[in-house]
Amino acid sequence: MRKRELGKSGLQVSAIGLGCMGLSYGYGPATDISEAIALIRRAFERGVTFFDTAEAYGPYKNEELLGEALAPFREEVVIATKIGFNFDANGGQSGMNSRPEQIRAVADQALKRLKTDVIDLFYQHRVDTDVPIEDVAGTVKALIAEGKVRHLGLSEAGAQTIRRAHTVQPVAALQSEYSLWWREPEQEILPTLEELGIGFVPFSPLGKGFLTGAISETTTFDSKDFRNIVPRFSQEARKANQVLVDLLAEIATRKKATSAQVALAWLLAQKRWIVPIPGTTKLHRLEENIQAAEVELTAEDLASIESALATIKVEGDRYRRPSAGKGQSLRSGQTGSDVSFEHQKKCSRSRLRSLLHQSHHFLGVGAFSRKAGIASSFATISAILGHCVKSNPKRLALIACGKRKISAILGRPPTTKAPCLRPAIIVSTAPMPSPIQ
């Protein structure tokens, strides 16, 4: 298989990687270990050199599986894994943790599980609001200097977070969801990555299986399959979104390919530094996905797809939304995360910390106006928030909202004269979607 470089990192990987999560976690019962090892090794035989896992998948079991499967040819492949969570006695996620000491401890544990002496690509699985991203990047930088890690990666991070991390340690790759039915990264993330020379690794490039055409409104999922709670996989949403699958099938027929291959080929055609990591538990699907690297979409094909997509509205949220409490409203921010806006005139230290411990993506601190609405850009400004917490949490940083360009102001009124302004802590209070991909 042809290879690609992730941005300007020098990290060369196969044009299509293998997301290994589903072999152990998330889509029903875990695959039999011997069958999973056979699939991973078959992927290598077919040219795949990029394998993705995380401590959260299982937890730990997926890393152990990958370590066993790749041991015979470890030096010929690139292994990516992730850190960032605490787990309870039953293996359930019990909050985020990207503190430096945790990163170091998990790195050592992952090295043992993966049966290797170095992690090729070490992602922060999700942005931890309690730990400045500079501390995360600095810790991984130290691990790189010690020879335990080769490259730093981030997952589902916003543009400002990426920039801040990149100033401390060059980020080799960002992993986030991106596909024909989730194109939000095109707005801000892809331009940022291109500017900084960072690679992009889309997870769920086949829309969690929907874009393959194998799922219809009548499909039923295993009781342990997380798609049971995903709004986009409700029966109504699947029925409404069938038009997108039909479009793919029509193009696939013309290209003498499958719908899945067209969906993957579309991603590969967007940028040369994009490397999708479709996952599967079936050998025939593995072969199908690998062959997508040979499907060439012409400029005419891409224009046709773009024109057709412009007429299609994808139904259903990406993840389950939280319910809005009294005095709250819900709106999606640029990261695509479910967002709750907590409006308060004052915010005690304990209340602020409570909100942040509930949150899974800190999107910023903003000014709310009945007329102007929420600021049109949710910049990640955790450094400002950290200053507020340490100094005086009642004097919140405000982002001026309205028609003028947004400006971050620390401890002073916003410059824009928007009526009815009041501080608004913007956090995501939705439960972390299971699984964490």
Foldseek 3Di string as FASTA:
>chain_A
DDWFFFFPLPDIFRLAAAEQLQCQFAFAHHNDLVLSLVLVLVLVVLPGQEYEEECLRNNLPSLLSQLVSCVVPVVRHAYEYEAWFDADPVSHTDFTDLALVRVVVVLVVSCVSNVHQAHEEYEHLFDALVDQLLRNLQSVVVCCVVVRYPAYEYELDDLQSQVNSCVNPNHAEYEYADWLQDHLCVPHPVVSCNVSRHFYEHECHCVVVLQQVPDALPDDGHPRNLLVQFFCNHSVLRHQCVVVSVVLQVLCVVQVATSLLVGSLLQCVPDSRYYYHYYDSDNVVSVRNSCSVVRHQDPVNNVVSVVVSVPGDRDGQRGDADDADPPWDWDAASSSATKIKDFDQFADLVRVVVQSRLFRHFQAKEKAAPVQGTANHRHDDSVLVVVCSVPPVRQHWYWDTHDDDTDTGHSDDDPDPGPPIGIIGMGGNDDDRPPSD
